[in-house]
């Protein structure tokens, strides 16, 4: 019966609590639908009705399921907000799976809306500096950065700024030292390693290189040519006139070459001067002159060498002819020709060819003179028997005049006797005294 006291109390309770329950149930259900975890927590904690109610159970279940993920998401937002990590905020907001009216979400969205444009400009500046390797701008952009240092592009820019800044400073110092020391080689090496955006120090180095390029390259080319041709005199002049760094590799090499060659060159110069002087004074020492010319290892246009070579080329053919004459006469034992060749010798009497020929003449002359006198005596006496004995055993050149006369005379007399004998024999045959 509705008049039952129990019923009356229940009805009164429903009438009293019903509107509030309906309202709270509706709000709780809406929070569940919107995934409004923060609101759910408040509603579940403030629920004044039975925990067995289906609406409550649904809300509590949703809170239990979504709460941990929500807490993680909120913590990520707060951390990103605190560090101004705009990229992390944007990522977290894009991945947000809860109510978009959540205070944490709204706060993070407001921050992104406020600083996002400035962040994008700052990122673009860093990327542009990295692309151009503009160290100064990059350092300024890194110093002006007001966002999270965990932003990837900032981390790269910060690392590169430190690395490039150190490299740039070293190159700037090297460029400055190179200009101060006029070290073109080192300046060019530093400029070749400059991979950054143009800066005052680099542009000053380029300008200095352009200003001194022709002078340096010209002297460097002459140094190389002088070294290649062993032109000691030119090397001396260039080393003395060099007005760039004394540590230049090319200069150091040329200086070392000069120090090595100069004593040898001076010695050869003294020798060749002495040889030419002696030659001019009629010593005519061709072997010595030839040795100086052929052993010369320096510049072929050196005035002392040119003079010596001129003398050598002027007298060389005559000397070679004289040598050939003496050696041939000596080899063929043509004593008369050897004497004539030695008498006509117009060169140094210390020449090995001459001295050897003299020794050869001294060796041959006694026998030659004796046999020549015997031949001449036989010729004068027309002693055929003596000629027959001497001519076949003649040990000297068959071009000797006395020998040729002796051979001619001996040959003619023999032929004459044979002719007489043949005529007598034919007569005896005719007369019948002998048979054919």
Protein backbone atom coordinates (compact mmCIF):
# COMPACT_ATOMS: atom_id res chain seq x y z
CA UNK A 1 0.00 0.00 0.00
CA UNK A 2 1.30 3.47 -0.89
CA UNK A 3 0.26 4.36 2.60
CA UNK A 4 2.83 2.01 3.99
CA UNK A 5 5.29 3.96 6.05
CA UNK A 6 8.24 2.32 4.29
CA UNK A 7 6.82 3.26 0.95
CA UNK A 8 6.09 6.75 2.19
CA UNK A 9 9.72 7.22 3.32
CA UNK A 10 11.07 5.84 0.03
CA UNK A 11 8.78 8.02 -2.01
CA UNK A 12 9.77 11.01 0.03
CA UNK A 13 13.45 10.14 -0.46
CA UNK A 14 13.00 9.81 -4.24
CA UNK A 15 11.12 13.07 -4.34
CA UNK A 16 13.94 14.71 -2.42
CA UNK A 17 16.99 13.13 -4.15
CA UNK A 18 15.58 12.29 -7.55
CA UNK A 19 16.22 15.56 -9.36
CA UNK A 20 19.83 15.67 -8.10
CA UNK A 21 20.42 12.07 -9.04
CA UNK A 22 19.07 12.57 -12.52
CA UNK A 23 21.22 15.62 -12.99
CA UNK A 24 24.39 13.95 -11.66
CA UNK A 25 23.71 10.83 -13.70
CA UNK A 26 23.34 12.90 -16.84
CA UNK A 27 26.53 14.84 -16.14
CA UNK A 28 28.43 11.64 -15.36
CA UNK A 29 27.23 9.98 -18.55
CA UNK A 30 28.17 13.05 -20.57
CA UNK A 31 31.69 13.06 -19.06
CA UNK A 32 32.04 9.40 -20.01
CA UNK A 33 30.96 10.17 -23.58
CA UNK A 34 33.35 13.12 -23.88
CA UNK A 35 36.24 11.19 -22.27
CA UNK A 36 36.49 14.07 -19.81
CA UNK A 37 38.72 12.29 -17.35
CA UNK A 38 39.31 15.31 -15.11
CA UNK A 39 35.55 15.84 -14.77
CA UNK A 40 34.99 12.13 -14.27
CA UNK A 41 37.35 12.15 -11.32
CA UNK A 42 35.46 14.98 -9.69
CA UNK A 43 32.06 13.37 -10.33
CA UNK A 44 33.06 9.89 -9.19
CA UNK A 45 34.68 11.29 -6.07
CA UNK A 46 31.60 13.41 -5.28
CA UNK A 47 29.00 10.71 -6.13
CA UNK A 48 26.44 10.81 -3.32
CA UNK A 49 24.40 7.87 -4.42
CA UNK A 50 24.77 4.15 -4.41
CA UNK A 51 28.02 2.78 -5.82
CA UNK A 52 25.95 -0.03 -7.21
CA UNK A 53 24.16 2.27 -9.56
CA UNK A 54 24.77 1.42 -13.25
CA UNK A 55 25.64 5.01 -14.16
CA UNK A 56 28.24 5.16 -11.43
CA UNK A 57 29.66 1.79 -12.39
CA UNK A 58 30.04 2.98 -15.98
CA UNK A 59 31.74 6.19 -14.91
CA UNK A 60 34.06 4.46 -12.46
CA UNK A 61 34.95 1.87 -15.11
CA UNK A 62 35.72 4.54 -17.67
CA UNK A 63 37.88 6.39 -15.18
CA UNK A 64 39.80 3.25 -14.30
CA UNK A 65 40.38 2.47 -17.98
CA UNK A 66 41.33 5.98 -19.16
CA UNK A 67 42.96 7.43 -16.07
CA UNK A 68 46.55 6.15 -16.47
CA UNK A 69 46.76 7.12 -20.15
CA UNK A 70 45.24 10.50 -19.36
CA UNK A 71 47.75 11.10 -16.58
CA UNK A 72 50.62 10.27 -18.93
CA UNK A 73 49.25 12.57 -21.60
CA UNK A 74 48.74 15.41 -19.13
CA UNK A 75 52.23 14.93 -17.71
CA UNK A 76 53.68 15.09 -21.23
CA UNK A 77 51.77 18.31 -21.91
CA UNK A 78 52.92 19.90 -18.67
CA UNK A 79 56.54 18.92 -19.31
CA UNK A 80 56.43 20.28 -22.85
CA UNK A 81 54.77 23.47 -21.67
CA UNK A 82 57.34 23.94 -18.92
CA UNK A 83 60.27 23.54 -21.37
CA UNK A 84 58.60 25.34 -24.28
CA UNK A 85 58.99 22.15 -26.35
CA UNK A 86 56.71 23.21 -29.17
CA UNK A 87 57.28 20.12 -31.32
CA UNK A 88 56.47 17.84 -28.38
CA UNK A 89 53.40 19.94 -27.60
CA UNK A 90 52.16 19.73 -31.16
CA UNK A 91 52.72 15.99 -31.21
CA UNK A 92 50.97 15.53 -27.86
CA UNK A 93 48.04 17.71 -28.93
CA UNK A 94 47.71 15.78 -32.19
CA UNK A 95 47.65 12.52 -30.23
CA UNK A 96 45.25 13.78 -27.52
CA UNK A 97 42.42 11.26 -27.11
CA UNK A 98 40.50 12.95 -24.35
CA UNK A 99 38.14 15.85 -23.94
CA UNK A 100 39.26 18.89 -25.94
CA UNK A 101 37.89 21.11 -23.18
CA UNK A 102 40.33 19.68 -20.67
CA UNK A 103 42.20 22.52 -18.88
CA UNK A 104 45.59 20.97 -19.60
CA UNK A 105 44.73 20.61 -23.30
CA UNK A 106 43.37 24.15 -23.49
CA UNK A 107 46.44 25.57 -21.74
CA UNK A 108 48.83 23.71 -24.07
CA UNK A 109 46.84 24.73 -27.15
CA UNK A 110 46.93 28.35 -26.05
CA UNK A 111 50.71 28.20 -25.64
CA UNK A 112 51.19 26.68 -29.09
CA UNK A 113 48.94 29.32 -30.59
CA UNK A 114 50.96 32.01 -28.81
CA UNK A 115 54.55 30.88 -29.58
CA UNK A 116 54.09 28.59 -32.60
CA UNK A 117 54.75 31.25 -35.23
CA UNK A 118 57.88 32.49 -33.44
CA UNK A 119 59.03 28.89 -33.04
CA UNK A 120 58.58 28.22 -36.76
CA UNK A 121 60.59 31.35 -37.62
CA UNK A 122 63.37 30.33 -35.23
CA UNK A 123 63.46 26.80 -36.68
CA UNK A 124 63.59 28.17 -40.23
CA UNK A 125 66.50 30.42 -39.28
CA UNK A 126 68.43 27.50 -37.79
CA UNK A 127 67.79 25.36 -40.86
CA UNK A 128 68.86 28.18 -43.17
CA UNK A 129 72.08 28.72 -41.19
CA UNK A 130 72.84 24.99 -41.25
CA UNK A 131 72.22 24.81 -44.98
CA UNK A 132 74.43 27.82 -45.72
CA UNK A 133 77.03 26.91 -43.07
CA UNK A 134 76.74 30.48 -41.85
CA UNK A 135 78.61 30.16 -38.58
CA UNK A 136 78.06 33.69 -37.30
CA UNK A 137 74.32 33.63 -37.98
CA UNK A 138 74.09 30.13 -36.54
CA UNK A 139 75.78 31.19 -33.32
CA UNK A 140 73.43 34.15 -33.05
CA UNK A 141 70.40 31.98 -33.76
CA UNK A 142 71.47 29.42 -31.15
CA UNK A 143 72.01 32.14 -28.57
CA UNK A 144 68.61 33.67 -29.35
CA UNK A 145 66.78 30.33 -29.03
CA UNK A 146 64.08 30.48 -26.32
CA UNK A 147 62.47 27.11 -26.81
CA UNK A 148 63.28 23.60 -25.63
CA UNK A 149 66.90 22.58 -26.07
CA UNK A 150 65.60 19.08 -26.84
CA UNK A 151 64.21 20.25 -30.16
CA UNK A 152 66.10 18.14 -32.79
CA UNK A 153 67.02 21.02 -35.09
CA UNK A 154 68.32 23.02 -32.11
CA UNK A 155 70.39 20.10 -30.87
CA UNK A 156 71.95 19.72 -34.34
CA UNK A 157 72.46 23.46 -34.65
CA UNK A 158 74.02 23.70 -31.20
CA UNK A 159 76.42 20.86 -31.97
CA UNK A 160 77.33 22.28 -35.38
CA UNK A 161 77.72 25.78 -33.99
CA UNK A 162 80.30 24.53 -31.50
CA UNK A 163 82.09 22.37 -34.07
CA UNK A 164 81.97 24.90 -36.90
CA UNK A 165 82.76 27.77 -34.60
CA UNK A 166 85.97 26.07 -33.50
CA UNK A 167 86.91 25.17 -37.09
CA UNK A 168 86.06 28.65 -38.29
CA UNK A 169 88.11 30.29 -35.54
CA UNK A 170 91.10 28.09 -36.38
CA UNK A 171 90.81 28.94 -40.07
CA UNK A 172 90.40 32.64 -39.31
CA UNK A 173 93.55 32.54 -37.18
CA UNK A 174 95.36 30.59 -39.89
CA UNK A 175 94.29 33.08 -42.55
CA UNK A 176 95.48 35.94 -40.39
CA UNK A 177 98.84 34.29 -39.74
CA UNK A 178 99.25 33.46 -43.42
CA UNK A 179 98.65 37.08 -44.44
CA UNK A 180 100.91 38.43 -41.73
CA UNK A 181 103.66 35.99 -42.70
CA UNK A 182 103.00 36.27 -46.45
CA UNK A 183 102.54 32.50 -46.49
CA UNK A 184 100.65 32.08 -49.78
CA UNK A 185 100.78 28.30 -49.66
CA UNK A 186 99.16 28.15 -46.22
CA UNK A 187 96.67 30.87 -47.13
CA UNK A 188 95.49 28.89 -50.14
CA UNK A 189 95.26 25.73 -48.04
CA UNK A 190 93.10 27.55 -45.48
CA UNK A 191 90.88 29.03 -48.18
CA UNK A 192 90.43 25.60 -49.78
CA UNK A 193 89.21 24.27 -46.42
CA UNK A 194 86.81 27.18 -45.91
CA UNK A 195 83.40 25.55 -46.41
CA UNK A 196 81.39 28.11 -44.49
CA UNK A 197 79.40 31.09 -45.61
CA UNK A 198 81.52 34.09 -46.64
CA UNK A 199 82.84 36.17 -43.76
CA UNK A 200 85.11 39.17 -43.41
CA UNK A 201 88.21 37.13 -42.59
CA UNK A 202 87.65 34.77 -45.52
CA UNK A 203 86.92 37.63 -47.91
CA UNK A 204 90.07 39.42 -46.72
CA UNK A 205 92.06 36.24 -47.41
CA UNK A 206 90.57 35.97 -50.89
CA UNK A 207 91.42 39.60 -51.58
CA UNK A 208 95.01 39.16 -50.35
CA UNK A 209 95.47 36.05 -52.50
CA UNK A 210 94.14 37.87 -55.56
CA UNK A 211 96.45 40.84 -54.94
CA UNK A 212 99.63 38.76 -54.62
CA UNK A 213 98.70 35.88 -56.91
CA UNK A 214 100.64 36.96 -60.00
CA UNK A 215 103.76 37.88 -58.07
CA UNK A 216 103.82 34.62 -56.11
CA UNK A 217 102.94 32.36 -59.03
CA UNK A 218 105.56 34.04 -61.20
CA UNK A 219 108.32 33.59 -58.64
CA UNK A 220 107.16 30.06 -57.87
CA UNK A 221 107.27 29.12 -61.55
CA UNK A 222 110.76 30.56 -61.93
CA UNK A 223 111.90 28.68 -58.82
CA UNK A 224 110.57 25.42 -60.24
CA UNK A 225 112.25 26.08 -63.58
CA UNK A 226 115.54 26.95 -61.91
CA UNK A 227 115.43 23.76 -59.84
CA UNK A 228 114.53 21.61 -62.85
CA UNK A 229 117.37 23.06 -64.95
CA UNK A 230 119.78 23.28 -62.02
CA UNK A 231 120.25 26.96 -62.79
CA UNK A 232 122.23 27.82 -59.69
CA UNK A 233 122.75 31.45 -60.59
CA UNK A 234 119.03 32.00 -61.08
CA UNK A 235 118.32 30.06 -57.89
CA UNK A 236 120.66 32.36 -56.00
CA UNK A 237 118.87 35.42 -57.35
CA UNK A 238 115.38 34.04 -56.66
CA UNK A 239 116.18 32.81 -53.15
CA UNK A 240 117.64 36.22 -52.35
CA UNK A 241 114.66 38.06 -53.88
CA UNK A 242 111.96 35.78 -52.35
CA UNK A 243 109.61 37.99 -50.34
CA UNK A 244 107.05 35.42 -49.23
CA UNK A 245 107.17 33.02 -46.29
CA UNK A 246 110.48 31.26 -45.74
CA UNK A 247 108.42 28.24 -44.66
CA UNK A 248 106.83 27.85 -48.08
CA UNK A 249 107.38 24.25 -49.25
CA UNK A 250 108.54 25.33 -52.68
CA UNK A 251 111.00 27.84 -51.25
CA UNK A 252 112.32 25.37 -48.67
CA UNK A 253 112.89 22.79 -51.41
CA UNK A 254 114.59 25.33 -53.67
CA UNK A 255 116.79 26.52 -50.80
CA UNK A 256 117.80 22.93 -50.01
CA UNK A 257 118.57 22.31 -53.69
CA UNK A 258 120.67 25.47 -53.83
CA UNK A 259 122.61 24.51 -50.69
CA UNK A 260 123.29 21.08 -52.21
CA UNK A 261 124.24 22.27 -55.69
CA UNK A 262 126.02 25.53 -54.95
CA UNK A 263 129.36 24.04 -53.79
CA UNK A 264 129.41 21.62 -56.74
CA UNK A 265 128.48 24.40 -59.14
CA UNK A 266 131.16 26.72 -57.80
CA UNK A 267 133.74 23.96 -58.09
CA UNK A 268 132.72 23.20 -61.67
CA UNK A 269 132.69 26.91 -62.51
CA UNK A 270 136.24 27.27 -61.22
CA UNK A 271 137.30 24.19 -63.15
CA UNK A 272 135.64 25.21 -66.38
CA UNK A 273 137.03 28.75 -66.12
CA UNK A 274 140.53 27.34 -65.62
CA UNK A 275 140.10 24.91 -68.52
CA UNK A 276 138.91 27.63 -70.88
CA UNK A 277 141.68 29.97 -69.76
CA UNK A 278 144.32 27.28 -70.25
CA UNK A 279 142.82 26.33 -73.59
CA UNK A 280 142.93 29.90 -74.77
CA UNK A 281 146.58 30.04 -73.68
CA UNK A 282 147.24 27.22 -76.23
CA UNK A 283 147.45 24.39 -73.75
CA UNK A 284 144.69 22.90 -75.90
CA UNK A 285 143.78 20.22 -73.33
CA UNK A 286 140.80 18.69 -75.14
CA UNK A 287 140.18 15.72 -72.79
CA UNK A 288 139.98 18.08 -69.86
CA UNK A 289 137.72 20.44 -71.80
CA UNK A 290 135.54 17.55 -72.96
CA UNK A 291 135.26 16.23 -69.40
CA UNK A 292 134.15 19.64 -68.13
CA UNK A 293 131.57 20.01 -70.89
CA UNK A 294 130.20 16.47 -70.65
CA UNK A 295 130.09 16.41 -66.84
CA UNK A 296 128.35 19.79 -66.61
CA UNK A 297 125.03 19.19 -64.82
CA UNK A 298 123.74 22.72 -64.47
CA UNK A 299 121.97 25.28 -66.64
CA UNK A 300 123.01 24.89 -70.27
CA UNK A 301 122.85 28.67 -70.75
CA UNK A 302 125.43 29.43 -68.07
CA UNK A 303 127.94 31.84 -69.61
CA UNK A 304 130.97 29.85 -68.46
CA UNK A 305 129.55 26.62 -69.83
CA UNK A 306 128.56 28.29 -73.09
CA UNK A 307 132.13 29.55 -73.55
CA UNK A 308 133.58 26.11 -72.82
CA UNK A 309 131.12 24.40 -75.13
CA UNK A 310 131.92 26.90 -77.87
CA UNK A 311 135.63 26.04 -77.60
CA UNK A 312 134.83 22.34 -77.53
CA UNK A 313 132.61 22.49 -80.61
CA UNK A 314 135.12 24.71 -82.41
CA UNK A 315 138.12 22.44 -81.86
CA UNK A 316 136.35 19.11 -81.38
CA UNK A 317 136.35 17.98 -85.04
CA UNK A 318 140.04 18.84 -85.50
CA UNK A 319 140.90 17.05 -82.26
CA UNK A 320 138.90 13.96 -83.21
CA UNK A 321 140.61 13.90 -86.61
CA UNK A 322 144.05 14.22 -84.99
CA UNK A 323 143.24 11.46 -82.51
CA UNK A 324 141.97 9.21 -85.29
CA UNK A 325 145.13 9.86 -87.34
CA UNK A 326 147.47 9.09 -84.44
CA UNK A 327 145.57 6.01 -83.30
CA UNK A 328 145.30 4.57 -86.82
CA UNK A 329 149.00 5.10 -87.50
CA UNK A 330 149.85 3.54 -84.16
CA UNK A 331 147.54 0.57 -84.71
CA UNK A 332 148.81 -0.13 -88.25
CA UNK A 333 152.47 0.49 -87.29
CA UNK A 334 152.71 3.23 -89.89
CA UNK A 335 155.73 4.79 -88.24
CA UNK A 336 156.34 7.52 -90.79
CA UNK A 337 152.68 8.62 -90.53
CA UNK A 338 152.78 8.34 -86.74
CA UNK A 339 155.80 10.64 -86.64
CA UNK A 340 154.07 13.10 -88.94
CA UNK A 341 150.86 12.94 -86.90
CA UNK A 342 152.72 13.54 -83.66
CA UNK A 343 154.66 16.41 -85.22
CA UNK A 344 151.39 17.93 -86.43
CA UNK A 345 149.66 17.38 -83.05
CA UNK A 346 148.27 20.74 -82.08
CA UNK A 347 146.89 19.88 -78.67
CA UNK A 348 148.20 19.30 -75.15
CA UNK A 349 151.30 17.11 -75.05
CA UNK A 350 149.92 15.67 -71.79
CA UNK A 351 146.96 14.21 -73.66
CA UNK A 352 146.84 10.42 -73.01
CA UNK A 353 146.38 9.78 -76.72
CA UNK A 354 149.54 11.73 -77.48
CA UNK A 355 151.65 10.21 -74.70
CA UNK A 356 150.57 6.66 -75.56
CA UNK A 357 151.39 7.28 -79.21
CA UNK A 358 154.79 8.65 -78.24
CA UNK A 359 155.49 5.53 -76.23
CA UNK A 360 154.37 3.43 -79.18
CA UNK A 361 156.68 5.38 -81.49
CA UNK A 362 159.59 4.92 -79.13
CA UNK A 363 158.85 1.22 -79.11
CA UNK A 364 158.65 0.89 -82.91
CA UNK A 365 161.21 3.46 -84.09
CA UNK A 366 164.49 1.59 -83.47
CA UNK A 367 163.48 -1.52 -85.42
CA UNK A 368 161.73 0.57 -88.08
CA UNK A 369 164.72 2.81 -88.61
CA UNK A 370 167.08 -0.19 -88.83
CA UNK A 371 164.90 -2.13 -91.28
CA UNK A 372 164.23 1.00 -93.32
CA UNK A 373 167.93 1.66 -93.64
CA UNK A 374 168.54 -1.94 -94.72
CA UNK A 375 165.72 -1.72 -97.27
CA UNK A 376 167.06 1.57 -98.57
CA UNK A 377 170.56 0.13 -98.86
CA UNK A 378 169.24 -2.89 -100.79
CA UNK A 379 167.26 -0.58 -103.03
CA UNK A 380 170.26 1.62 -103.67
CA UNK A 381 172.45 -1.43 -104.41
CA UNK A 382 169.65 -3.14 -106.32
CA UNK A 383 170.42 -6.20 -104.22
CA UNK A 384 167.61 -8.55 -105.19
CA UNK A 385 168.57 -11.30 -102.78
CA UNK A 386 168.58 -8.91 -99.86
CA UNK A 387 165.25 -7.48 -100.94
CA UNK A 388 163.81 -11.00 -101.14
CA UNK A 389 164.81 -11.57 -97.55
CA UNK A 390 163.63 -8.23 -96.17
CA UNK A 391 160.31 -7.60 -97.94
CA UNK A 392 158.39 -10.73 -96.84
CA UNK A 393 159.30 -10.22 -93.20
CA UNK A 394 158.44 -6.51 -93.08
CA UNK A 395 156.63 -5.98 -89.70
CA UNK A 396 155.35 -2.47 -90.30
CA UNK A 397 152.63 -0.87 -92.41
CA UNK A 398 152.67 -1.78 -96.07
CA UNK A 399 151.93 1.89 -96.69
CA UNK A 400 155.46 2.87 -95.70
CA UNK A 401 157.15 4.49 -98.73
CA UNK A 402 160.44 2.62 -98.38
CA UNK A 403 158.60 -0.67 -98.16
CA UNK A 404 156.49 0.05 -101.23
CA UNK A 405 159.60 0.99 -103.27
CA UNK A 406 161.39 -2.13 -102.11
CA UNK A 407 158.42 -4.37 -102.92
CA UNK A 408 158.04 -2.72 -106.33
CA UNK A 409 161.71 -3.15 -107.18
CA UNK A 410 161.86 -6.73 -105.93
CA UNK A 411 158.73 -7.64 -107.87
CA UNK A 412 160.02 -6.08 -111.13
CA UNK A 413 163.46 -7.75 -111.05
CA UNK A 414 161.93 -11.15 -110.39
CA UNK A 415 159.51 -10.72 -113.26
CA UNK A 416 162.41 -9.73 -115.60
CA UNK A 417 164.47 -12.88 -114.76
CA UNK A 418 161.47 -15.11 -115.29
CA UNK A 419 160.96 -13.54 -118.75
CA UNK A 420 164.56 -14.27 -119.81
CA UNK A 421 164.36 -17.85 -118.68
CA UNK A 422 161.14 -18.35 -120.60
CA UNK A 423 162.70 -16.98 -123.85
CA UNK A 424 165.75 -19.27 -123.55
CA UNK A 425 163.51 -22.25 -122.96
CA UNK A 426 161.44 -21.50 -126.07
CA UNK A 427 164.62 -21.16 -128.16
CA UNK A 428 165.98 -24.51 -127.02
CA UNK A 429 162.65 -26.14 -127.92
CA UNK A 430 162.76 -24.62 -131.38
CA UNK A 431 166.33 -25.82 -131.88
CA UNK A 432 165.33 -29.29 -130.71
CA UNK A 433 167.58 -29.43 -127.74
CA UNK A 434 164.64 -29.98 -125.34
CA UNK A 435 161.18 -31.33 -125.75
CA UNK A 436 158.05 -29.58 -124.73
